[in-house]
Amino acid sequence: MEQPTNLSGLDLRAEIDRLRQERNAVILAHYYQKPEIQDLADFVGDSLDLSRKAADTDADVIAFCGVRFMAETAKILSPQKTVVLPDMDAGCSLEDSCPPDQFAAFRRQHPDAIALTYINCSAEVKGLSDVIVTSSSAEKILSQIPASQPIIFGPDRNLGGYLARKTGRELILWPGVCIVHEAFSETELLKLKAQHPGAPVAAHPECPAVILDHADYVGSTRGILDYAMAMAGDTLIVATEPHIIHQMEKALPDKTFIGAPGADGNCNCNICPYMALNTMEKLYVALRDLSPRIEIEEGLRLRAKKSLDAMLAMASGSVGQGDLGPVRVTGD
């Protein structure tokens, strides 16, 4: 989607606030959004938590500043609301790695397995799954499934591998990865740890095992934020998309938060290129035009909602809590 034009001279913040009122809209921003978008949002958080909060409002319009699968989830939970995404090209490498037809074929190859599927996937893949999981609910859900039951876990092989190592369960892994978390460098992380001796490392489980092996805490984006709030020290190394640091610095201005580096020795390669497609200009246009709009065929919506409902039934208390635990996991 091209950057909107002819918006020069507009006070975008004021115009967005005006349209928010006129449209009876709620603005959601994922932690990986740019600070200026986080600061104007009604809610900032992880993807499912945001969709559930929006569903509980009386808003007619949901403007989801995130990526496409997140906006789809909001529509699945709030079919009566208009859901807009500032840039429809804001996709996700995990979603892209798991085309629905290929996932369906993979399921046919493992007819006895149930599919636990990470929420970072398309509505179509959700509709092909048995239970959707988040990084905060996956372990609790996994613990409720008999050890004899074969399980497909996708699309994130890093999160699946982490869960397999931590629980001792054998999982059939779909080979997808998040390009942002895959970019972290073990060598550069070790250099950073040497520069800040004693500083703990908090990492998202989408990171490769070689990064998680050096983490003092592993958890979702919300979990990492909570860990930062509770930690006793004054410096934290953060191995996830660096825009989460904005919330940490707002809450804890006296502490130091350092983004874990990529292979080039800096964090730039770890900024999600899909999240970055959303801008203030595009948010203004989306609210003005109520477009681009998320639409989901009702049969598909109900199939996808069934797998989301299964997650909430099994682990509603852990959804949005973010905690996969401070236990460091090592191994293959």
Protein backbone atom coordinates (compact mmCIF):
# COMPACT_ATOMS: atom_id res chain seq x y z
CA MET A 1 0.00 0.00 0.00
CA GLU A 2 1.41 3.37 -0.98
CA GLN A 3 1.86 6.13 1.55
CA PRO A 4 -1.19 8.47 1.51
CA THR A 5 -0.57 11.78 -0.24
CA ASN A 6 -1.88 15.34 0.11
CA LEU A 7 -1.98 15.19 3.89
CA SER A 8 0.58 17.92 4.43
CA GLY A 9 -0.50 20.53 6.94
CA LEU A 10 -2.89 18.22 8.76
CA ASP A 11 -2.55 17.80 12.51
CA LEU A 12 -2.73 14.03 12.25
CA ARG A 13 -3.08 13.41 15.98
CA ALA A 14 -6.00 15.84 16.21
CA GLU A 15 -7.62 14.46 13.07
CA ILE A 16 -7.29 10.88 14.29
CA ASP A 17 -8.86 11.89 17.61
CA ARG A 18 -11.70 13.60 15.75
CA LEU A 19 -12.37 10.55 13.58
CA ARG A 20 -12.10 8.26 16.59
CA GLN A 21 -15.04 10.14 18.10
CA GLU A 22 -17.05 10.47 14.88
CA ARG A 23 -16.66 6.80 13.98
CA ASN A 24 -17.08 5.56 17.56
CA ALA A 25 -13.79 3.77 16.99
CA VAL A 26 -11.33 2.03 19.28
CA ILE A 27 -7.68 2.13 18.25
CA LEU A 28 -5.52 -0.89 19.09
CA ALA A 29 -1.72 -0.91 18.90
CA HIS A 30 0.52 -3.92 19.27
CA TYR A 31 3.68 -3.51 21.33
CA TYR A 32 5.71 -3.64 18.10
CA GLN A 33 4.16 -0.48 16.68
CA LYS A 34 6.01 2.82 16.45
CA PRO A 35 5.92 4.89 19.67
CA GLU A 36 3.69 7.61 18.20
CA ILE A 37 1.04 5.01 17.38
CA GLN A 38 1.34 3.32 20.77
CA ASP A 39 0.89 6.68 22.47
CA LEU A 40 -2.43 7.50 20.78
CA ALA A 41 -3.99 4.03 21.03
CA ASP A 42 -6.83 3.22 23.38
CA PHE A 43 -5.19 -0.12 24.16
CA VAL A 44 -1.60 -1.32 23.72
CA GLY A 45 -0.80 -4.99 24.13
CA ASP A 46 -0.43 -8.49 22.68
CA SER A 47 -2.62 -9.48 19.76
CA LEU A 48 -5.34 -11.65 21.31
CA ASP A 49 -5.60 -9.53 24.43
CA LEU A 50 -6.22 -6.49 22.23
CA SER A 51 -8.96 -8.26 20.25
CA ARG A 52 -10.70 -9.37 23.43
CA LYS A 53 -10.57 -5.86 24.89
CA ALA A 54 -12.01 -4.39 21.70
CA ALA A 55 -14.81 -6.97 21.72
CA ASP A 56 -15.77 -5.80 25.20
CA THR A 57 -16.21 -2.18 24.10
CA ASP A 58 -19.27 -0.59 22.50
CA ALA A 59 -17.15 0.69 19.61
CA ASP A 60 -18.55 0.39 16.10
CA VAL A 61 -15.09 0.44 14.49
CA ILE A 62 -11.84 -1.29 15.42
CA ALA A 63 -8.67 0.22 13.94
CA PHE A 64 -6.01 -2.42 14.52
CA CYS A 65 -2.45 -1.12 14.25
CA GLY A 66 -0.72 -4.44 13.94
CA VAL A 67 -0.60 -7.07 11.23
CA ARG A 68 -3.28 -8.80 9.18
CA PHE A 69 -3.77 -11.95 11.26
CA MET A 70 -4.34 -9.77 14.34
CA ALA A 71 -7.03 -7.73 12.61
CA GLU A 72 -8.61 -10.97 11.39
CA THR A 73 -8.74 -12.22 14.97
CA ALA A 74 -10.50 -9.02 16.00
CA LYS A 75 -13.07 -9.60 13.25
CA ILE A 76 -13.53 -13.23 14.28
CA LEU A 77 -14.36 -12.11 17.82
CA SER A 78 -16.34 -9.00 16.80
CA PRO A 79 -18.16 -9.83 13.55
CA GLN A 80 -20.64 -6.99 14.01
CA LYS A 81 -17.88 -4.37 14.17
CA THR A 82 -16.06 -2.79 11.24
CA VAL A 83 -12.37 -3.72 11.45
CA VAL A 84 -9.79 -1.73 9.52
CA LEU A 85 -6.05 -2.28 9.15
CA PRO A 86 -3.99 0.79 8.18
CA ASP A 87 -2.01 -1.20 5.60
CA MET A 88 -3.35 -4.48 4.21
CA ASP A 89 0.19 -5.44 3.20
CA ALA A 90 1.10 -5.68 6.91
CA GLY A 91 1.45 -9.44 6.96
CA CYS A 92 3.55 -11.83 9.03
CA SER A 93 6.39 -14.15 8.08
CA LEU A 94 4.90 -16.90 10.24
CA GLU A 95 1.55 -16.58 8.49
CA ASP A 96 3.29 -16.53 5.11
CA SER A 97 5.24 -19.68 6.00
CA CYS A 98 2.03 -21.67 6.47
CA PRO A 99 -0.26 -21.57 3.41
CA PRO A 100 -3.64 -23.15 4.18
CA ASP A 101 -3.49 -25.73 1.38
CA GLN A 102 -0.07 -26.93 2.50
CA PHE A 103 -1.16 -27.04 6.13
CA ALA A 104 -4.22 -29.08 5.18
CA ALA A 105 -1.99 -31.52 3.28
CA PHE A 106 0.35 -31.72 6.28
CA ARG A 107 -2.58 -32.60 8.51
CA ARG A 108 -3.61 -35.37 6.11
CA GLN A 109 -0.10 -36.83 6.43
CA HIS A 110 -0.65 -37.11 10.19
CA PRO A 111 -4.29 -38.25 10.49
CA ASP A 112 -4.05 -39.21 14.16
CA ALA A 113 -2.59 -35.87 15.27
CA ILE A 114 -4.46 -32.87 16.60
CA ALA A 115 -3.27 -29.41 15.60
CA LEU A 116 -2.19 -26.92 18.24
CA THR A 117 -1.57 -23.81 16.19
CA TYR A 118 0.10 -20.59 17.24
CA ILE A 119 -2.17 -17.57 16.82
CA ASN A 120 0.28 -16.05 14.29
CA CYS A 121 -1.52 -17.63 11.34
CA SER A 122 -4.28 -16.83 8.88
CA ALA A 123 -8.00 -17.26 9.56
CA GLU A 124 -7.94 -20.16 7.09
CA VAL A 125 -5.27 -22.00 9.09
CA LYS A 126 -7.14 -21.27 12.31
CA GLY A 127 -10.15 -22.90 10.70
CA LEU A 128 -8.05 -26.01 9.96
CA SER A 129 -6.79 -26.23 13.56
CA ASP A 130 -8.14 -27.85 16.72
CA VAL A 131 -6.83 -25.42 19.33
CA ILE A 132 -5.19 -22.04 18.87
CA VAL A 133 -2.49 -21.15 21.38
CA THR A 134 -0.63 -18.02 22.38
CA SER A 135 2.86 -17.96 23.81
CA SER A 136 1.28 -17.46 27.23
CA SER A 137 -1.30 -20.26 26.99
CA ALA A 138 0.55 -22.93 25.00
CA GLU A 139 2.15 -24.77 27.90
CA LYS A 140 -1.03 -24.87 29.97
CA ILE A 141 -2.97 -26.24 27.01
CA LEU A 142 -0.27 -28.77 26.20
CA SER A 143 -0.36 -30.08 29.76
CA GLN A 144 -4.05 -30.98 29.37
CA ILE A 145 -3.53 -33.22 26.34
CA PRO A 146 -2.77 -36.92 27.00
CA ALA A 147 0.86 -37.87 26.43
CA SER A 148 -0.23 -40.53 23.96
CA GLN A 149 -1.93 -38.01 21.68
CA PRO A 150 0.18 -37.00 18.63
CA ILE A 151 0.32 -33.22 18.24
CA ILE A 152 1.10 -31.01 15.27
CA PHE A 153 2.50 -27.65 16.34
CA GLY A 154 2.82 -24.81 13.86
CA PRO A 155 3.69 -22.53 12.34
CA ASP A 156 6.57 -21.49 14.63
CA ARG A 157 9.20 -24.21 14.98
CA ASN A 158 11.12 -22.17 17.57
CA LEU A 159 8.18 -21.83 19.94
CA GLY A 160 7.30 -25.48 19.30
CA GLY A 161 10.86 -26.57 19.95
CA TYR A 162 10.97 -24.56 23.17
CA LEU A 163 7.77 -26.20 24.40
CA ALA A 164 9.02 -29.65 23.44
CA ARG A 165 12.26 -29.17 25.34
CA LYS A 166 10.56 -27.68 28.38
CA THR A 167 7.79 -30.28 28.67
CA GLY A 168 9.50 -33.34 27.23
CA ARG A 169 6.64 -33.77 24.75
CA GLU A 170 7.29 -34.88 21.20
CA LEU A 171 5.70 -32.45 18.76
CA ILE A 172 5.37 -32.64 15.00
CA LEU A 173 6.70 -29.22 14.03
CA TRP A 174 5.73 -27.12 11.05
CA PRO A 175 8.96 -25.47 9.79
CA GLY A 176 8.00 -21.77 10.05
CA VAL A 177 9.96 -18.98 11.72
CA CYS A 178 9.56 -15.31 12.55
CA ILE A 179 12.09 -13.38 10.49
CA VAL A 180 12.48 -10.81 13.29
CA HIS A 181 13.33 -13.25 16.07
CA GLU A 182 15.38 -15.45 13.76
CA ALA A 183 17.68 -12.47 13.14
CA PHE A 184 19.16 -12.35 16.64
CA SER A 185 22.83 -13.31 16.83
CA GLU A 186 24.22 -15.49 19.62
CA THR A 187 27.71 -14.06 19.09
CA GLU A 188 26.51 -10.48 19.35
CA LEU A 189 24.32 -11.31 22.34
CA LEU A 190 27.32 -12.77 24.18
CA LYS A 191 29.30 -9.61 23.43
CA LEU A 192 26.46 -7.53 24.85
CA LYS A 193 26.28 -9.68 27.98
CA ALA A 194 30.02 -9.21 28.47
CA GLN A 195 29.56 -5.43 28.22
CA HIS A 196 26.79 -5.54 30.84
CA PRO A 197 27.78 -8.22 33.34
CA GLY A 198 24.92 -9.27 35.55
CA ALA A 199 22.21 -7.85 33.28
CA PRO A 200 19.52 -10.47 32.70
CA VAL A 201 18.23 -11.39 29.25
CA ALA A 202 14.51 -11.59 28.53
CA ALA A 203 13.62 -13.37 25.28
CA HIS A 204 10.52 -14.19 23.30
CA PRO A 205 10.09 -17.94 22.60
CA GLU A 206 9.99 -17.24 18.86
CA CYS A 207 13.77 -16.82 19.16
CA PRO A 208 16.03 -19.74 18.14
CA ALA A 209 17.21 -22.11 20.85
CA VAL A 210 20.73 -20.64 20.79
CA ILE A 211 19.26 -17.34 22.00
CA LEU A 212 16.83 -18.88 24.50
CA ASP A 213 19.70 -20.84 26.04
CA HIS A 214 21.16 -17.52 27.26
CA ALA A 215 17.85 -16.11 28.52
CA ASP A 216 17.03 -15.61 32.17
CA TYR A 217 13.37 -15.21 31.29
CA VAL A 218 11.36 -16.57 28.34
CA GLY A 219 7.89 -15.25 27.72
CA SER A 220 5.51 -13.38 25.47
CA THR A 221 5.81 -9.67 24.79
CA ARG A 222 3.51 -8.90 27.71
CA GLY A 223 5.45 -11.34 29.87
CA ILE A 224 8.73 -9.62 29.05
CA LEU A 225 7.20 -6.27 30.00
CA ASP A 226 5.98 -7.71 33.30
CA TYR A 227 9.42 -9.19 33.94
CA ALA A 228 10.99 -5.77 33.38
CA MET A 229 8.56 -4.24 35.86
CA ALA A 230 9.40 -6.83 38.53
CA MET A 231 13.16 -7.23 38.10
CA ALA A 232 15.46 -5.99 40.86
CA GLY A 233 18.32 -4.80 38.64
CA ASP A 234 18.62 -1.61 36.64
CA THR A 235 19.53 -3.02 33.20
CA LEU A 236 17.72 -5.54 30.99
CA ILE A 237 18.71 -7.01 27.63
CA VAL A 238 15.60 -7.54 25.52
CA ALA A 239 15.48 -10.17 22.76
CA THR A 240 12.30 -9.37 20.91
CA GLU A 241 11.11 -6.66 18.52
CA PRO A 242 12.62 -3.47 20.04
CA HIS A 243 9.51 -1.28 19.99
CA ILE A 244 8.39 -2.99 23.23
CA ILE A 245 11.17 -0.99 24.89
CA HIS A 246 9.04 2.16 24.49
CA GLN A 247 6.55 0.83 27.03
CA MET A 248 9.37 -0.21 29.38
CA GLU A 249 10.98 3.22 29.26
CA LYS A 250 7.64 4.93 29.89
CA ALA A 251 6.94 2.76 32.92
CA LEU A 252 10.52 2.60 34.24
CA PRO A 253 12.41 5.74 33.16
CA ASP A 254 15.22 5.13 35.67
CA LYS A 255 16.13 1.73 34.24
CA THR A 256 18.11 0.87 31.11
CA PHE A 257 16.74 -1.41 28.39
CA ILE A 258 18.98 -2.65 25.62
CA GLY A 259 17.71 -4.36 22.50
CA ALA A 260 19.58 -7.56 21.69
CA PRO A 261 21.59 -7.10 18.48
CA GLY A 262 21.27 -8.82 15.16
CA ALA A 263 24.11 -10.34 13.19
CA ASP A 264 25.25 -6.87 12.07
CA GLY A 265 25.75 -5.80 15.68
CA ASN A 266 22.69 -3.57 15.96
CA CYS A 267 18.93 -3.89 16.36
CA ASN A 268 17.84 -2.50 13.01
CA CYS A 269 17.36 -5.91 11.41
CA ASN A 270 15.08 -6.85 14.32
CA ILE A 271 12.45 -4.21 13.60
CA CYS A 272 9.43 -5.99 12.11
CA PRO A 273 9.09 -4.72 8.53
CA TYR A 274 5.40 -5.62 8.49
CA MET A 275 4.54 -3.72 11.66
CA ALA A 276 6.48 -0.76 10.32
CA LEU A 277 4.08 -0.44 7.37
CA ASN A 278 1.49 1.15 9.63
CA THR A 279 1.89 4.92 9.93
CA MET A 280 -0.05 7.83 11.36
CA GLU A 281 -1.02 8.87 7.83
CA LYS A 282 -2.38 5.43 6.99
CA LEU A 283 -4.27 5.22 10.28
CA TYR A 284 -5.91 8.57 9.54
CA VAL A 285 -6.95 7.44 6.05
CA ALA A 286 -8.24 4.08 7.38
CA LEU A 287 -10.48 5.87 9.87
CA ARG A 288 -11.55 8.45 7.29
CA ASP A 289 -12.43 5.93 4.57
CA LEU A 290 -13.12 2.84 6.73
CA SER A 291 -10.73 1.02 4.46
CA PRO A 292 -8.78 -1.28 4.08
CA ARG A 293 -11.45 -3.38 5.75
CA ILE A 294 -11.19 -6.93 7.07
CA GLU A 295 -13.93 -9.23 5.79
CA ILE A 296 -14.24 -12.93 6.65
CA GLU A 297 -16.81 -15.32 5.20
CA GLU A 298 -19.13 -16.45 8.00
CA GLY A 299 -18.48 -20.18 7.66
CA LEU A 300 -14.74 -19.59 7.88
CA ARG A 301 -15.18 -17.19 10.78
CA LEU A 302 -17.09 -19.80 12.76
CA ARG A 303 -14.50 -22.51 12.05
CA ALA A 304 -11.70 -20.19 13.14
CA LYS A 305 -13.65 -19.09 16.21
CA LYS A 306 -14.12 -22.72 17.25
CA SER A 307 -10.36 -23.19 17.61
CA LEU A 308 -10.04 -19.87 19.47
CA ASP A 309 -12.89 -20.84 21.78
CA ALA A 310 -11.13 -24.15 22.48
CA MET A 311 -8.08 -22.21 23.68
CA LEU A 312 -10.14 -19.94 25.91
CA ALA A 313 -11.94 -22.93 27.40
CA MET A 314 -8.65 -24.66 28.22
CA ALA A 315 -6.53 -21.72 29.31
CA SER A 316 -8.53 -18.53 29.62
CA GLY A 317 -6.74 -17.59 32.85
CA SER A 318 -3.33 -17.58 31.19
CA VAL A 319 -4.21 -15.79 27.96
CA GLY A 320 -2.63 -12.35 28.00
CA GLN A 321 -0.62 -13.06 31.14
CA GLY A 322 2.47 -13.68 29.07
CA ASP A 323 4.36 -15.96 31.41
CA LEU A 324 6.05 -19.03 30.00
CA GLY A 325 8.19 -19.09 33.10
CA PRO A 326 11.66 -17.99 34.10
CA VAL A 327 13.14 -21.46 33.67
CA ARG A 328 16.09 -21.51 31.29
CA VAL A 329 15.80 -24.37 28.84
CA THR A 330 18.85 -25.96 27.27
CA GLY A 331 19.33 -28.80 24.84
CA ASP A 332 18.91 -29.50 21.15
